[in-house]
Amino acid sequence: MGYANSWDFDVRGEYDSAEDLIKAIVKATYLFDFKVDEFVFTDGAIQTSDLVDEESIKADKHDIELWKKGEKTLYSATMWLPLECVSDKHKMTEDEAEEFGFGM
């Protein structure tokens, strides 16, 4: 398995919910038009995947129809974003840990 694209971005801050964190990630990357419900929190990371074209642009319905007919090449883009909870002011509760995918 190879990596076509890779980038670093920083979304340090306080977030009241997992949804707020995901919105910050989507805004910081500018690369994918993912919706909040397309992300999954698991094992202290955020994961998502989708079909993209050769420029890493998310495939639309028309692209997918062409792909199904064998008329367009699409790629599976998988994003795995490790999370680190760092705070000297706030101890994460079990409910927060569960929402963000951290085992306690």
Protein backbone atom coordinates (compact mmCIF):
# COMPACT_ATOMS: atom_id res chain seq x y z
CA MET A 1 0.00 0.00 0.00
CA GLY A 2 1.37 3.41 -0.91
CA TYR A 3 0.55 6.96 -0.04
CA ALA A 4 -0.33 9.35 -2.84
CA ASN A 5 -0.72 12.47 -0.73
CA SER A 6 0.30 13.40 2.78
CA TRP A 7 0.11 16.63 4.71
CA ASP A 8 0.41 18.04 8.21
CA PHE A 9 -1.97 20.46 9.83
CA ASP A 10 -2.51 21.79 13.31
CA VAL A 11 -5.92 22.05 14.94
CA ARG A 12 -4.85 22.54 18.53
CA GLY A 13 -7.57 23.99 20.68
CA GLU A 14 -10.44 23.26 22.99
CA TYR A 15 -13.45 21.59 21.45
CA ASP A 16 -16.80 21.13 23.13
CA SER A 17 -17.71 18.14 20.99
CA ALA A 18 -16.34 15.67 18.49
CA GLU A 19 -18.38 17.48 15.82
CA ASP A 20 -16.57 20.76 16.57
CA LEU A 21 -13.19 19.03 16.26
CA ILE A 22 -14.13 17.47 12.91
CA LYS A 23 -15.34 20.83 11.58
CA ALA A 24 -11.95 22.33 12.52
CA ILE A 25 -10.14 19.50 10.72
CA VAL A 26 -12.24 19.90 7.56
CA LYS A 27 -11.62 23.66 7.59
CA ALA A 28 -7.86 23.21 8.14
CA THR A 29 -7.37 20.71 5.30
CA TYR A 30 -9.34 22.44 2.51
CA LEU A 31 -8.87 19.20 0.56
CA PHE A 32 -12.01 17.17 1.14
CA ASP A 33 -15.67 18.02 1.32
CA PHE A 34 -16.45 15.49 4.04
CA LYS A 35 -19.51 15.76 6.20
CA VAL A 36 -19.29 15.35 9.97
CA ASP A 37 -21.17 12.04 9.92
CA GLU A 38 -18.59 10.54 7.51
CA PHE A 39 -15.95 10.44 10.27
CA VAL A 40 -15.56 7.67 12.84
CA PHE A 41 -13.73 7.95 16.15
CA THR A 42 -11.87 4.77 17.03
CA ASP A 43 -8.79 3.88 19.08
CA GLY A 44 -7.82 7.51 19.69
CA ALA A 45 -7.99 8.46 16.02
CA ILE A 46 -10.42 9.81 13.46
CA GLN A 47 -10.93 7.72 10.35
CA THR A 48 -12.77 8.28 7.11
CA SER A 49 -12.50 7.27 3.47
CA ASP A 50 -14.08 8.09 0.16
CA LEU A 51 -13.62 7.84 -3.59
CA VAL A 52 -11.46 10.56 -5.14
CA ASP A 53 -10.02 11.35 -8.57
CA GLU A 54 -6.34 11.64 -9.55
CA GLU A 55 -6.21 15.13 -7.98
CA SER A 56 -7.58 13.82 -4.64
CA ILE A 57 -10.88 15.63 -5.25
CA LYS A 58 -13.89 13.83 -3.82
CA ALA A 59 -15.89 12.06 -6.53
CA ASP A 60 -19.40 13.33 -7.17
CA LYS A 61 -22.37 11.21 -8.30
CA HIS A 62 -21.49 11.68 -11.98
CA ASP A 63 -17.88 10.56 -11.39
CA ILE A 64 -19.10 7.47 -9.54
CA GLU A 65 -21.49 6.54 -12.37
CA LEU A 66 -18.64 6.82 -14.90
CA TRP A 67 -16.43 4.73 -12.59
CA LYS A 68 -19.10 2.01 -12.34
CA LYS A 69 -19.18 1.85 -16.15
CA GLY A 70 -15.37 1.58 -16.29
CA GLU A 71 -15.08 4.99 -17.94
CA LYS A 72 -13.23 6.77 -15.13
CA THR A 73 -10.55 5.81 -12.65
CA LEU A 74 -11.22 6.63 -9.01
CA TYR A 75 -9.13 5.91 -5.93
CA SER A 76 -9.99 5.08 -2.35
CA ALA A 77 -8.70 7.87 -0.15
CA THR A 78 -8.38 6.84 3.47
CA MET A 79 -7.69 9.39 6.15
CA TRP A 80 -6.43 8.25 9.52
CA LEU A 81 -5.81 11.11 11.91
CA PRO A 82 -4.31 10.23 15.29
CA LEU A 83 -5.54 12.32 18.19
CA GLU A 84 -3.72 13.40 21.28
CA CYS A 85 -5.57 14.83 24.25
CA VAL A 86 -3.31 17.21 26.12
CA SER A 87 -4.59 19.34 28.95
CA ASP A 88 -3.28 20.46 32.27
CA LYS A 89 -6.58 22.22 32.99
CA HIS A 90 -9.16 19.56 32.24
CA LYS A 91 -9.24 15.85 32.96
CA MET A 92 -11.24 14.03 30.30
CA THR A 93 -14.36 12.31 31.65
CA GLU A 94 -15.27 8.78 30.60
CA ASP A 95 -18.13 10.15 28.46
CA GLU A 96 -15.76 12.56 26.67
CA ALA A 97 -13.23 9.77 26.18
CA GLU A 98 -15.90 7.59 24.61
CA GLU A 99 -17.10 10.40 22.31
CA PHE A 100 -13.55 11.01 21.06
CA GLY A 101 -12.66 7.31 20.76
CA PHE A 102 -10.17 7.04 23.62
CA GLY A 103 -10.28 3.93 25.79
CA MET A 104 -10.21 4.58 29.54
